[in-house]
């Protein structure tokens, strides 16, 4: 049953969250605009990756989520915009925490994190 939740996450929340993610991405000038664009790409790549992971392999979901968190930390280091840096660092922390749960087969925390990602990161990229 736990794997059904993971599969539902792949088909539903992940796609919904990312489709609305960073609607204003790239609207900022300077390094912030590029960081927002790169962040959107990172989430798109994450979705592509997790959609190919079998539901019975939650450890792979956890690993992909951990890699996304690491990538967000790297992007946070590339911007001088304090609000964007904090948003990316905070989101990376949320993803790391969720990765541990997903690794164990529980996708509820990841679902909650991804559900709020568009508003949290999108606000910083406006």
Protein backbone atom coordinates (compact mmCIF):
# COMPACT_ATOMS: atom_id res chain seq x y z
CA UNK A 1 0.00 0.00 0.00
CA UNK A 2 2.83 2.40 0.76
CA UNK A 3 4.08 2.01 -2.80
CA UNK A 4 0.69 3.05 -4.12
CA UNK A 5 1.16 6.36 -2.34
CA UNK A 6 4.56 6.78 -3.96
CA UNK A 7 3.17 6.03 -7.40
CA UNK A 8 0.27 8.42 -6.87
CA UNK A 9 2.79 11.06 -5.92
CA UNK A 10 4.67 10.50 -9.17
CA UNK A 11 1.58 10.90 -11.27
CA UNK A 12 -0.16 13.64 -9.37
CA UNK A 13 1.43 15.96 -6.88
CA UNK A 14 4.84 16.07 -8.51
CA UNK A 15 3.40 17.08 -11.86
CA UNK A 16 0.93 19.54 -10.39
CA UNK A 17 3.56 21.13 -8.20
CA UNK A 18 6.11 21.54 -10.93
CA UNK A 19 3.65 22.70 -13.57
CA UNK A 20 2.92 25.71 -11.39
CA UNK A 21 6.45 26.04 -10.07
CA UNK A 22 8.16 29.30 -10.66
CA UNK A 23 5.63 30.89 -12.93
CA UNK A 24 7.65 34.09 -12.83
CA UNK A 25 10.89 32.20 -13.17
CA UNK A 26 13.50 34.28 -14.89
CA UNK A 27 11.60 37.53 -14.32
CA UNK A 28 14.30 38.76 -11.99
CA UNK A 29 17.40 40.31 -13.43
CA UNK A 30 21.02 39.44 -12.86
CA UNK A 31 22.08 36.23 -11.21
CA UNK A 32 18.66 35.77 -9.59
CA UNK A 33 16.93 35.36 -12.93
CA UNK A 34 19.39 32.68 -13.99
CA UNK A 35 19.16 30.93 -10.62
CA UNK A 36 15.36 30.86 -10.88
CA UNK A 37 15.60 29.44 -14.40
CA UNK A 38 18.09 26.81 -13.24
CA UNK A 39 15.86 25.96 -10.27
CA UNK A 40 12.92 25.35 -12.58
CA UNK A 41 15.11 23.09 -14.72
CA UNK A 42 16.27 21.20 -11.62
CA UNK A 43 12.67 20.45 -10.64
CA UNK A 44 11.76 19.44 -14.19
CA UNK A 45 14.70 17.03 -14.28
CA UNK A 46 13.68 15.67 -10.88
CA UNK A 47 10.15 14.97 -12.13
CA UNK A 48 11.51 13.22 -15.21
CA UNK A 49 13.79 11.13 -13.04
CA UNK A 50 11.24 10.07 -10.43
CA UNK A 51 8.62 9.25 -13.03
CA UNK A 52 10.96 6.55 -14.30
CA UNK A 53 11.52 5.02 -10.85
CA UNK A 54 9.35 2.01 -10.02
CA UNK A 55 7.00 2.54 -7.07
CA UNK A 56 8.54 -0.52 -5.42
CA UNK A 57 11.91 1.28 -5.27
CA UNK A 58 11.40 4.02 -2.66
CA UNK A 59 15.14 4.17 -1.96
CA UNK A 60 15.66 5.52 -5.47
CA UNK A 61 13.02 8.18 -4.81
CA UNK A 62 14.87 9.16 -1.65
CA UNK A 63 18.18 9.36 -3.51
CA UNK A 64 16.70 11.52 -6.27
CA UNK A 65 15.14 13.82 -3.68
CA UNK A 66 18.46 14.12 -1.85
CA UNK A 67 20.22 15.03 -5.12
CA UNK A 68 17.61 17.74 -5.77
CA UNK A 69 18.21 19.16 -2.29
CA UNK A 70 21.96 19.25 -2.96
CA UNK A 71 21.36 20.99 -6.27
CA UNK A 72 19.17 23.64 -4.61
CA UNK A 73 21.92 24.29 -2.07
CA UNK A 74 24.34 24.81 -4.94
CA UNK A 75 21.96 27.21 -6.65
CA UNK A 76 21.51 29.15 -3.40
CA UNK A 77 25.25 29.80 -3.39
CA UNK A 78 25.03 31.36 -6.85
CA UNK A 79 22.68 34.20 -5.97
CA UNK A 80 23.22 37.46 -4.14
CA UNK A 81 19.47 37.82 -3.55
CA UNK A 82 18.95 37.11 0.16
CA UNK A 83 15.30 36.09 -0.14
CA UNK A 84 16.00 33.69 -3.00
CA UNK A 85 19.03 32.23 -1.22
CA UNK A 86 16.99 31.61 1.94
CA UNK A 87 14.06 30.12 -0.01
CA UNK A 88 16.36 27.68 -1.81
CA UNK A 89 18.22 26.71 1.35
CA UNK A 90 14.97 26.20 3.27
CA UNK A 91 13.50 24.12 0.45
CA UNK A 92 16.66 22.00 0.33
CA UNK A 93 16.25 21.32 4.05
CA UNK A 94 12.63 20.31 3.59
CA UNK A 95 13.57 17.99 0.74
CA UNK A 96 16.35 16.35 2.76
CA UNK A 97 13.94 15.63 5.56
CA UNK A 98 11.37 14.26 3.12
CA UNK A 99 14.02 12.13 1.38
CA UNK A 100 14.52 10.08 4.53
CA UNK A 101 10.79 9.35 4.74
CA UNK A 102 10.53 8.49 1.06
CA UNK A 103 13.55 6.22 1.35
CA UNK A 104 11.51 4.24 3.90
CA UNK A 105 8.49 4.13 1.56
CA UNK A 106 6.41 6.97 3.06
CA UNK A 107 5.72 9.71 0.52
CA UNK A 108 3.41 11.86 2.67
CA UNK A 109 6.10 14.32 3.74
CA UNK A 110 7.47 14.67 0.20
CA UNK A 111 3.96 15.27 -1.07
CA UNK A 112 3.49 18.05 1.48
CA UNK A 113 6.84 19.62 0.62
CA UNK A 114 6.23 19.58 -3.13
CA UNK A 115 2.71 20.89 -2.66
CA UNK A 116 4.11 24.07 -1.09
CA UNK A 117 7.17 24.45 -3.29
CA UNK A 118 5.56 26.57 -6.02
CA UNK A 119 4.44 29.25 -3.59
CA UNK A 120 7.63 29.26 -1.54
CA UNK A 121 10.13 29.33 -4.40
CA UNK A 122 7.86 31.15 -6.80
CA UNK A 123 7.46 34.02 -4.34
CA UNK A 124 11.25 34.42 -4.15
CA UNK A 125 11.49 34.46 -7.95
CA UNK A 126 8.78 37.11 -8.45
